[in-house]
């Protein structure tokens, strides 16, 4: 679960820095992702990180009940969806 949170947090930072959002050139004193790589690469990184977050959540069924996992995935989908991350942007 912690991996998923980190993937989503990183994706949100890259998204926030993009030219269409804040157009930040630095984050913590270093060039932002889209400044270091192409903007299109940054967009693909965001999609990949979000997909990886859901993938890591879906494989937790070895340790947790599947109903709990489904509830968690539903919650994460909501916080990165139009009521969460998208709304915040």
PDB file of N, CA and C in Angstrom:
ATOM      1  N   UNK A   1       0.829  -1.197   0.000  1.00  0.00           N
ATOM      2  CA  UNK A   1       0.000   0.000   0.000  1.00  0.00           C
ATOM      3  C   UNK A   1       0.879   1.268   0.000  1.00  0.00           C
ATOM      4  N   UNK A   2       1.976   1.207   0.726  1.00  0.00           N
ATOM      5  CA  UNK A   2       2.874   2.365   0.782  1.00  0.00           C
ATOM      6  C   UNK A   2       3.480   2.656  -0.590  1.00  0.00           C
ATOM      7  N   UNK A   3       3.788   1.594  -1.360  1.00  0.00           N
ATOM      8  CA  UNK A   3       4.319   1.797  -2.710  1.00  0.00           C
ATOM      9  C   UNK A   3       3.306   2.555  -3.557  1.00  0.00           C
ATOM     10  N   UNK A   4       2.049   2.166  -3.462  1.00  0.00           N
ATOM     11  CA  UNK A   4       1.000   2.814  -4.250  1.00  0.00           C
ATOM     12  C   UNK A   4       0.902   4.298  -3.902  1.00  0.00           C
ATOM     13  N   UNK A   5       0.985   4.607  -2.634  1.00  0.00           N
ATOM     14  CA  UNK A   5       0.927   6.012  -2.190  1.00  0.00           C
ATOM     15  C   UNK A   5       2.097   6.791  -2.776  1.00  0.00           C
ATOM     16  N   UNK A   6       3.284   6.207  -2.753  1.00  0.00           N
ATOM     17  CA  UNK A   6       4.462   6.889  -3.304  1.00  0.00           C
ATOM     18  C   UNK A   6       4.340   7.085  -4.816  1.00  0.00           C
ATOM     19  N   UNK A   7       3.858   6.063  -5.520  1.00  0.00           N
ATOM     20  CA  UNK A   7       3.653   6.195  -6.964  1.00  0.00           C
ATOM     21  C   UNK A   7       2.685   7.342  -7.264  1.00  0.00           C
ATOM     22  N   UNK A   8       1.589   7.389  -6.524  1.00  0.00           N
ATOM     23  CA  UNK A   8       0.582   8.432  -6.762  1.00  0.00           C
ATOM     24  C   UNK A   8       1.101   9.810  -6.377  1.00  0.00           C
ATOM     25  N   UNK A   9       1.848   9.882  -5.299  1.00  0.00           N
ATOM     26  CA  UNK A   9       2.408  11.172  -4.886  1.00  0.00           C
ATOM     27  C   UNK A   9       3.367  11.702  -5.943  1.00  0.00           C
ATOM     28  N   UNK A  10       4.243  10.840  -6.428  1.00  0.00           N
ATOM     29  CA  UNK A  10       5.196  11.244  -7.461  1.00  0.00           C
ATOM     30  C   UNK A  10       4.471  11.675  -8.728  1.00  0.00           C
ATOM     31  N   UNK A  11       3.447  10.911  -9.117  1.00  0.00           N
ATOM     32  CA  UNK A  11       2.661  11.268 -10.306  1.00  0.00           C
ATOM     33  C   UNK A  11       2.012  12.637 -10.131  1.00  0.00           C
ATOM     34  N   UNK A  12       1.497  12.903  -8.943  1.00  0.00           N
ATOM     35  CA  UNK A  12       0.837  14.193  -8.704  1.00  0.00           C
ATOM     36  C   UNK A  12       1.820  15.357  -8.773  1.00  0.00           C
ATOM     37  N   UNK A  13       3.054  15.136  -8.318  1.00  0.00           N
ATOM     38  CA  UNK A  13       4.069  16.194  -8.385  1.00  0.00           C
ATOM     39  C   UNK A  13       4.460  16.487  -9.829  1.00  0.00           C
ATOM     40  N   UNK A  14       4.663  15.425 -10.610  1.00  0.00           N
ATOM     41  CA  UNK A  14       5.009  15.617 -12.022  1.00  0.00           C
ATOM     42  C   UNK A  14       3.869  16.341 -12.734  1.00  0.00           C
ATOM     43  N   UNK A  15       2.638  15.921 -12.467  1.00  0.00           N
ATOM     44  CA  UNK A  15       1.465  16.549 -13.080  1.00  0.00           C
ATOM     45  C   UNK A  15       1.373  18.019 -12.713  1.00  0.00           C
ATOM     46  N   UNK A  16       1.560  18.322 -11.455  1.00  0.00           N
ATOM     47  CA  UNK A  16       1.453  19.695 -10.972  1.00  0.00           C
ATOM     48  C   UNK A  16       2.474  20.617 -11.629  1.00  0.00           C
ATOM     49  N   UNK A  17       3.644  20.100 -11.949  1.00  0.00           N
ATOM     50  CA  UNK A  17       4.713  20.913 -12.525  1.00  0.00           C
ATOM     51  C   UNK A  17       4.579  21.152 -14.022  1.00  0.00           C
ATOM     52  N   UNK A  18       3.749  20.383 -14.711  1.00  0.00           N
ATOM     53  CA  UNK A  18       3.642  20.488 -16.172  1.00  0.00           C
ATOM     54  C   UNK A  18       3.271  21.902 -16.629  1.00  0.00           C
ATOM     55  N   UNK A  19       3.654  22.260 -17.849  1.00  0.00           N
ATOM     56  CA  UNK A  19       3.333  23.596 -18.375  1.00  0.00           C
ATOM     57  C   UNK A  19       1.842  23.932 -18.345  1.00  0.00           C
ATOM     58  N   UNK A  20       0.989  22.959 -18.561  1.00  0.00           N
ATOM     59  CA  UNK A  20      -0.455  23.214 -18.553  1.00  0.00           C
ATOM     60  C   UNK A  20      -1.000  23.458 -17.148  1.00  0.00           C
ATOM     61  N   UNK A  21      -0.198  23.161 -16.130  1.00  0.00           N
ATOM     62  CA  UNK A  21      -0.627  23.374 -14.747  1.00  0.00           C
ATOM     63  C   UNK A  21       0.145  24.562 -14.164  1.00  0.00           C
ATOM     64  N   UNK A  22       1.149  24.300 -13.342  1.00  0.00           N
ATOM     65  CA  UNK A  22       1.917  25.379 -12.710  1.00  0.00           C
ATOM     66  C   UNK A  22       3.118  25.838 -13.538  1.00  0.00           C
ATOM     67  N   UNK A  23       3.516  25.049 -14.510  1.00  0.00           N
ATOM     68  CA  UNK A  23       4.669  25.344 -15.354  1.00  0.00           C
ATOM     69  C   UNK A  23       5.919  25.627 -14.516  1.00  0.00           C
ATOM     70  N   UNK A  24       6.125  24.788 -13.504  1.00  0.00           N
ATOM     71  CA  UNK A  24       7.291  24.947 -12.639  1.00  0.00           C
ATOM     72  C   UNK A  24       8.544  24.460 -13.360  1.00  0.00           C
ATOM     73  N   UNK A  25       9.630  25.148 -13.145  1.00  0.00           N
ATOM     74  CA  UNK A  25      10.899  24.736 -13.755  1.00  0.00           C
ATOM     75  C   UNK A  25      11.803  24.038 -12.748  1.00  0.00           C
ATOM     76  N   UNK A  26      11.557  24.279 -11.462  1.00  0.00           N
ATOM     77  CA  UNK A  26      12.355  23.657 -10.405  1.00  0.00           C
ATOM     78  C   UNK A  26      11.451  23.034  -9.349  1.00  0.00           C
ATOM     79  N   UNK A  27      11.909  21.932  -8.793  1.00  0.00           N
ATOM     80  CA  UNK A  27      11.268  21.309  -7.635  1.00  0.00           C
ATOM     81  C   UNK A  27      12.395  20.908  -6.703  1.00  0.00           C
ATOM     82  N   UNK A  28      12.346  21.463  -5.489  1.00  0.00           N
ATOM     83  CA  UNK A  28      13.406  21.235  -4.499  1.00  0.00           C
ATOM     84  C   UNK A  28      14.780  21.577  -5.053  1.00  0.00           C
ATOM     85  N   UNK A  29      14.834  22.647  -5.832  1.00  0.00           N
ATOM     86  CA  UNK A  29      16.091  23.136  -6.362  1.00  0.00           C
ATOM     87  C   UNK A  29      16.645  22.395  -7.566  1.00  0.00           C
ATOM     88  N   UNK A  30      15.893  21.436  -8.085  1.00  0.00           N
ATOM     89  CA  UNK A  30      16.355  20.667  -9.242  1.00  0.00           C
ATOM     90  C   UNK A  30      15.352  20.823 -10.379  1.00  0.00           C
ATOM     91  N   UNK A  31      15.800  20.648 -11.628  1.00  0.00           N
ATOM     92  CA  UNK A  31      14.878  20.771 -12.765  1.00  0.00           C
ATOM     93  C   UNK A  31      13.716  19.786 -12.649  1.00  0.00           C
ATOM     94  N   UNK A  32      12.537  20.265 -12.949  1.00  0.00           N
ATOM     95  CA  UNK A  32      11.359  19.402 -12.918  1.00  0.00           C
ATOM     96  C   UNK A  32      11.452  18.355 -14.021  1.00  0.00           C
ATOM     97  N   UNK A  33      10.592  17.357 -13.928  1.00  0.00           N
ATOM     98  CA  UNK A  33      10.634  16.241 -14.863  1.00  0.00           C
ATOM     99  C   UNK A  33      10.519  16.702 -16.305  1.00  0.00           C
ATOM    100  N   UNK A  34       9.569  17.599 -16.576  1.00  0.00           N
ATOM    101  CA  UNK A  34       9.379  18.028 -17.975  1.00  0.00           C
ATOM    102  C   UNK A  34      10.501  18.938 -18.469  1.00  0.00           C
ATOM    103  N   UNK A  35      11.269  19.510 -17.566  1.00  0.00           N
ATOM    104  CA  UNK A  35      12.424  20.301 -17.968  1.00  0.00           C
ATOM    105  C   UNK A  35      13.616  19.388 -18.279  1.00  0.00           C
ATOM    106  N   UNK A  36      13.703  18.291 -17.549  1.00  0.00           N
ATOM    107  CA  UNK A  36      14.804  17.355 -17.734  1.00  0.00           C
ATOM    108  C   UNK A  36      14.544  16.407 -18.904  1.00  0.00           C
ATOM    109  N   UNK A  37      13.278  16.049 -19.083  1.00  0.00           N
ATOM    110  CA  UNK A  37      12.870  15.168 -20.169  1.00  0.00           C
ATOM    111  C   UNK A  37      11.802  15.909 -20.972  1.00  0.00           C
ATOM    112  N   UNK A  38      11.332  15.339 -22.036  1.00  0.00           N
ATOM    113  CA  UNK A  38      10.291  16.012 -22.803  1.00  0.00           C
ATOM    114  C   UNK A  38       8.963  15.983 -22.031  1.00  0.00           C
ATOM    115  N   UNK A  39       8.105  16.945 -22.324  1.00  0.00           N
ATOM    116  CA  UNK A  39       6.802  16.992 -21.672  1.00  0.00           C
ATOM    117  C   UNK A  39       6.016  15.705 -21.928  1.00  0.00           C
ATOM    118  N   UNK A  40       6.099  15.202 -23.144  1.00  0.00           N
ATOM    119  CA  UNK A  40       5.372  13.970 -23.466  1.00  0.00           C
ATOM    120  C   UNK A  40       5.875  12.796 -22.628  1.00  0.00           C
ATOM    121  N   UNK A  41       7.151  12.754 -22.360  1.00  0.00           N
ATOM    122  CA  UNK A  41       7.711  11.699 -21.521  1.00  0.00           C
ATOM    123  C   UNK A  41       7.185  11.828 -20.096  1.00  0.00           C
ATOM    124  N   UNK A  42       7.067  13.050 -19.631  1.00  0.00           N
ATOM    125  CA  UNK A  42       6.518  13.293 -18.295  1.00  0.00           C
ATOM    126  C   UNK A  42       5.066  12.844 -18.208  1.00  0.00           C
ATOM    127  N   UNK A  43       4.294  13.128 -19.240  1.00  0.00           N
ATOM    128  CA  UNK A  43       2.889  12.696 -19.252  1.00  0.00           C
ATOM    129  C   UNK A  43       2.791  11.178 -19.204  1.00  0.00           C
ATOM    130  N   UNK A  44       3.637  10.500 -19.967  1.00  0.00           N
ATOM    131  CA  UNK A  44       3.633   9.043 -19.954  1.00  0.00           C
ATOM    132  C   UNK A  44       4.088   8.503 -18.599  1.00  0.00           C
ATOM    133  N   UNK A  45       5.014   9.176 -17.964  1.00  0.00           N
ATOM    134  CA  UNK A  45       5.458   8.763 -16.633  1.00  0.00           C
ATOM    135  C   UNK A  45       4.304   8.841 -15.639  1.00  0.00           C
ATOM    136  N   UNK A  46       3.493   9.879 -15.738  1.00  0.00           N
ATOM    137  CA  UNK A  46       2.329  10.033 -14.856  1.00  0.00           C
ATOM    138  C   UNK A  46       1.376   8.860 -15.032  1.00  0.00           C
ATOM    139  N   UNK A  47       1.047   8.561 -16.278  1.00  0.00           N
ATOM    140  CA  UNK A  47       0.132   7.446 -16.567  1.00  0.00           C
ATOM    141  C   UNK A  47       0.729   6.136 -16.048  1.00  0.00           C
ATOM    142  N   UNK A  48       2.005   5.927 -16.296  1.00  0.00           N
ATOM    143  CA  UNK A  48       2.662   4.713 -15.843  1.00  0.00           C
ATOM    144  C   UNK A  48       2.679   4.573 -14.330  1.00  0.00           C
ATOM    145  N   UNK A  49       2.937   5.673 -13.632  1.00  0.00           N
ATOM    146  CA  UNK A  49       2.960   5.637 -12.171  1.00  0.00           C
ATOM    147  C   UNK A  49       1.578   5.343 -11.592  1.00  0.00           C
ATOM    148  N   UNK A  50       0.543   5.931 -12.163  1.00  0.00           N
ATOM    149  CA  UNK A  50      -0.817   5.662 -11.690  1.00  0.00           C
ATOM    150  C   UNK A  50      -1.183   4.201 -11.947  1.00  0.00           C
ATOM    151  N   UNK A  51      -0.845   3.695 -13.129  1.00  0.00           N
ATOM    152  CA  UNK A  51      -1.113   2.286 -13.431  1.00  0.00           C
ATOM    153  C   UNK A  51      -0.346   1.373 -12.477  1.00  0.00           C
ATOM    154  N   UNK A  52       0.885   1.719 -12.193  1.00  0.00           N
ATOM    155  CA  UNK A  52       1.697   0.902 -11.281  1.00  0.00           C
ATOM    156  C   UNK A  52       1.116   0.917  -9.875  1.00  0.00           C
ATOM    157  N   UNK A  53       0.560   2.049  -9.468  1.00  0.00           N
ATOM    158  CA  UNK A  53      -0.076   2.129  -8.147  1.00  0.00           C
ATOM    159  C   UNK A  53      -1.241   1.146  -8.059  1.00  0.00           C
ATOM    160  N   UNK A  54      -2.091   1.128  -9.076  1.00  0.00           N
ATOM    161  CA  UNK A  54      -3.223   0.202  -9.072  1.00  0.00           C
ATOM    162  C   UNK A  54      -2.753  -1.242  -9.157  1.00  0.00           C
ATOM    163  N   UNK A  55      -1.705  -1.474  -9.907  1.00  0.00           N
ATOM    164  CA  UNK A  55      -1.156  -2.824 -10.008  1.00  0.00           C
ATOM    165  C   UNK A  55      -0.655  -3.310  -8.652  1.00  0.00           C
ATOM    166  N   UNK A  56       0.052  -2.452  -7.944  1.00  0.00           N
ATOM    167  CA  UNK A  56       0.578  -2.860  -6.635  1.00  0.00           C
ATOM    168  C   UNK A  56      -0.547  -3.092  -5.630  1.00  0.00           C
ATOM    169  N   UNK A  57      -1.625  -2.318  -5.739  1.00  0.00           N
ATOM    170  CA  UNK A  57      -2.771  -2.546  -4.854  1.00  0.00           C
ATOM    171  C   UNK A  57      -3.460  -3.866  -5.173  1.00  0.00           C
ATOM    172  N   UNK A  58      -3.566  -4.167  -6.446  1.00  0.00           N
ATOM    173  CA  UNK A  58      -4.285  -5.378  -6.841  1.00  0.00           C
ATOM    174  C   UNK A  58      -3.548  -6.657  -6.455  1.00  0.00           C
ATOM    175  N   UNK A  59      -2.258  -6.576  -6.224  1.00  0.00           N
ATOM    176  CA  UNK A  59      -1.493  -7.769  -5.845  1.00  0.00           C
ATOM    177  C   UNK A  59      -1.408  -7.959  -4.334  1.00  0.00           C
ATOM    178  N   UNK A  60      -2.085  -7.121  -3.590  1.00  0.00           N
ATOM    179  CA  UNK A  60      -2.082  -7.249  -2.131  1.00  0.00           C
ATOM    180  C   UNK A  60      -2.974  -8.398  -1.666  1.00  0.00           C
ATOM    181  N   UNK A  61      -3.673  -9.082  -2.584  1.00  0.00           N
ATOM    182  CA  UNK A  61      -4.620 -10.121  -2.196  1.00  0.00           C
ATOM    183  C   UNK A  61      -3.953 -11.325  -1.528  1.00  0.00           C
ATOM    184  N   UNK A  62      -2.651 -11.379  -1.568  1.00  0.00           N
ATOM    185  CA  UNK A  62      -1.944 -12.460  -0.880  1.00  0.00           C
ATOM    186  C   UNK A  62      -1.937 -12.233   0.632  1.00  0.00           C
ATOM    187  N   UNK A  63      -2.127 -10.985   1.042  1.00  0.00           N
ATOM    188  CA  UNK A  63      -2.057 -10.649   2.465  1.00  0.00           C
ATOM    189  C   UNK A  63      -3.372 -10.170   3.055  1.00  0.00           C
ATOM    190  N   UNK A  64      -4.287  -9.708   2.181  1.00  0.00           N
ATOM    191  CA  UNK A  64      -5.535  -9.133   2.669  1.00  0.00           C
ATOM    192  C   UNK A  64      -6.736  -9.750   1.957  1.00  0.00           C
ATOM    193  N   UNK A  65      -7.868  -9.656   2.589  1.00  0.00           N
ATOM    194  CA  UNK A  65      -9.120 -10.145   2.017  1.00  0.00           C
ATOM    195  C   UNK A  65      -9.452  -9.365   0.746  1.00  0.00           C
ATOM    196  N   UNK A  66      -9.965 -10.043  -0.260  1.00  0.00           N
ATOM    197  CA  UNK A  66     -10.249  -9.399  -1.548  1.00  0.00           C
ATOM    198  C   UNK A  66     -11.275  -8.275  -1.430  1.00  0.00           C
ATOM    199  N   UNK A  67     -12.192  -8.366  -0.496  1.00  0.00           N
ATOM    200  CA  UNK A  67     -13.180  -7.292  -0.305  1.00  0.00           C
ATOM    201  C   UNK A  67     -12.500  -6.010   0.182  1.00  0.00           C
ATOM    202  N   UNK A  68     -11.546  -6.153   1.063  1.00  0.00           N
ATOM    203  CA  UNK A  68     -10.791  -4.994   1.555  1.00  0.00           C
ATOM    204  C   UNK A  68      -9.996  -4.380   0.411  1.00  0.00           C
ATOM    205  N   UNK A  69      -9.373  -5.220  -0.403  1.00  0.00           N
ATOM    206  CA  UNK A  69      -8.589  -4.732  -1.544  1.00  0.00           C
ATOM    207  C   UNK A  69      -9.478  -3.970  -2.516  1.00  0.00           C
ATOM    208  N   UNK A  70     -10.646  -4.507  -2.817  1.00  0.00           N
ATOM    209  CA  UNK A  70     -11.571  -3.820  -3.738  1.00  0.00           C
ATOM    210  C   UNK A  70     -12.013  -2.469  -3.181  1.00  0.00           C
ATOM    211  N   UNK A  71     -12.266  -2.415  -1.885  1.00  0.00           N
ATOM    212  CA  UNK A  71     -12.649  -1.149  -1.250  1.00  0.00           C
ATOM    213  C   UNK A  71     -11.505  -0.145  -1.342  1.00  0.00           C
ATOM    214  N   UNK A  72     -10.296  -0.600  -1.111  1.00  0.00           N
ATOM    215  CA  UNK A  72      -9.126   0.267  -1.190  1.00  0.00           C
ATOM    216  C   UNK A  72      -8.918   0.782  -2.617  1.00  0.00           C
ATOM    217  N   UNK A  73      -9.031  -0.097  -3.592  1.00  0.00           N
ATOM    218  CA  UNK A  73      -8.872   0.306  -4.995  1.00  0.00           C
ATOM    219  C   UNK A  73      -9.947   1.319  -5.378  1.00  0.00           C
ATOM    220  N   UNK A  74     -11.168   1.095  -4.923  1.00  0.00           N
ATOM    221  CA  UNK A  74     -12.248   2.041  -5.204  1.00  0.00           C
ATOM    222  C   UNK A  74     -11.944   3.413  -4.596  1.00  0.00           C
ATOM    223  N   UNK A  75     -11.437   3.412  -3.373  1.00  0.00           N
ATOM    224  CA  UNK A  75     -11.086   4.671  -2.703  1.00  0.00           C
ATOM    225  C   UNK A  75      -9.967   5.402  -3.445  1.00  0.00           C
ATOM    226  N   UNK A  76      -8.935   4.667  -3.825  1.00  0.00           N
ATOM    227  CA  UNK A  76      -7.811   5.280  -4.542  1.00  0.00           C
ATOM    228  C   UNK A  76      -8.285   5.835  -5.884  1.00  0.00           C
ATOM    229  N   UNK A  77      -9.140   5.105  -6.574  1.00  0.00           N
ATOM    230  CA  UNK A  77      -9.685   5.594  -7.844  1.00  0.00           C
ATOM    231  C   UNK A  77     -10.422   6.918  -7.640  1.00  0.00           C
ATOM    232  N   UNK A  78     -11.123   7.029  -6.523  1.00  0.00           N
ATOM    233  CA  UNK A  78     -11.851   8.271  -6.233  1.00  0.00           C
ATOM    234  C   UNK A  78     -10.890   9.423  -5.948  1.00  0.00           C
ATOM    235  N   UNK A  79      -9.816   9.164  -5.195  1.00  0.00           N
ATOM    236  CA  UNK A  79      -8.923  10.278  -4.842  1.00  0.00           C
ATOM    237  C   UNK A  79      -8.036  10.723  -6.003  1.00  0.00           C
ATOM    238  N   UNK A  80      -7.852   9.881  -7.000  1.00  0.00           N
ATOM    239  CA  UNK A  80      -7.106  10.331  -8.180  1.00  0.00           C
ATOM    240  C   UNK A  80      -8.038  10.745  -9.311  1.00  0.00           C
ATOM    241  N   UNK A  81      -9.313  10.556  -9.143  1.00  0.00           N
ATOM    242  CA  UNK A  81     -10.289  10.866 -10.177  1.00  0.00           C
ATOM    243  C   UNK A  81     -10.767  12.308 -10.151  1.00  0.00           C
ATOM    244  N   UNK A  82     -11.953  12.505 -10.711  1.00  0.00           N
ATOM    245  CA  UNK A  82     -12.483  13.871 -10.873  1.00  0.00           C
ATOM    246  C   UNK A  82     -12.825  14.555  -9.556  1.00  0.00           C
ATOM    247  N   UNK A  83     -12.994  13.811  -8.472  1.00  0.00           N
ATOM    248  CA  UNK A  83     -13.279  14.420  -7.171  1.00  0.00           C
ATOM    249  C   UNK A  83     -12.011  14.672  -6.354  1.00  0.00           C
ATOM    250  N   UNK A  84     -10.907  14.142  -6.819  1.00  0.00           N
ATOM    251  CA  UNK A  84      -9.666  14.240  -6.045  1.00  0.00           C
ATOM    252  C   UNK A  84      -8.588  14.993  -6.777  1.00  0.00           C
ATOM    253  N   UNK A  85      -7.609  14.263  -7.265  1.00  0.00           N
ATOM    254  CA  UNK A  85      -6.447  14.863  -7.950  1.00  0.00           C
ATOM    255  C   UNK A  85      -6.874  15.757  -9.101  1.00  0.00           C
ATOM    256  N   UNK A  86      -7.770  15.283  -9.932  1.00  0.00           N
ATOM    257  CA  UNK A  86      -8.212  16.092 -11.078  1.00  0.00           C
ATOM    258  C   UNK A  86      -8.888  17.382 -10.625  1.00  0.00           C
ATOM    259  N   UNK A  87      -9.723  17.280  -9.613  1.00  0.00           N
ATOM    260  CA  UNK A  87     -10.412  18.467  -9.088  1.00  0.00           C
ATOM    261  C   UNK A  87      -9.401  19.462  -8.509  1.00  0.00           C
ATOM    262  N   UNK A  88      -8.390  18.944  -7.820  1.00  0.00           N
ATOM    263  CA  UNK A  88      -7.369  19.802  -7.225  1.00  0.00           C
ATOM    264  C   UNK A  88      -6.549  20.566  -8.258  1.00  0.00           C
ATOM    265  N   UNK A  89      -6.371  19.953  -9.407  1.00  0.00           N
ATOM    266  CA  UNK A  89      -5.604  20.622 -10.457  1.00  0.00           C
ATOM    267  C   UNK A  89      -6.440  21.703 -11.106  1.00  0.00           C
TER     268      UNK A  89
END
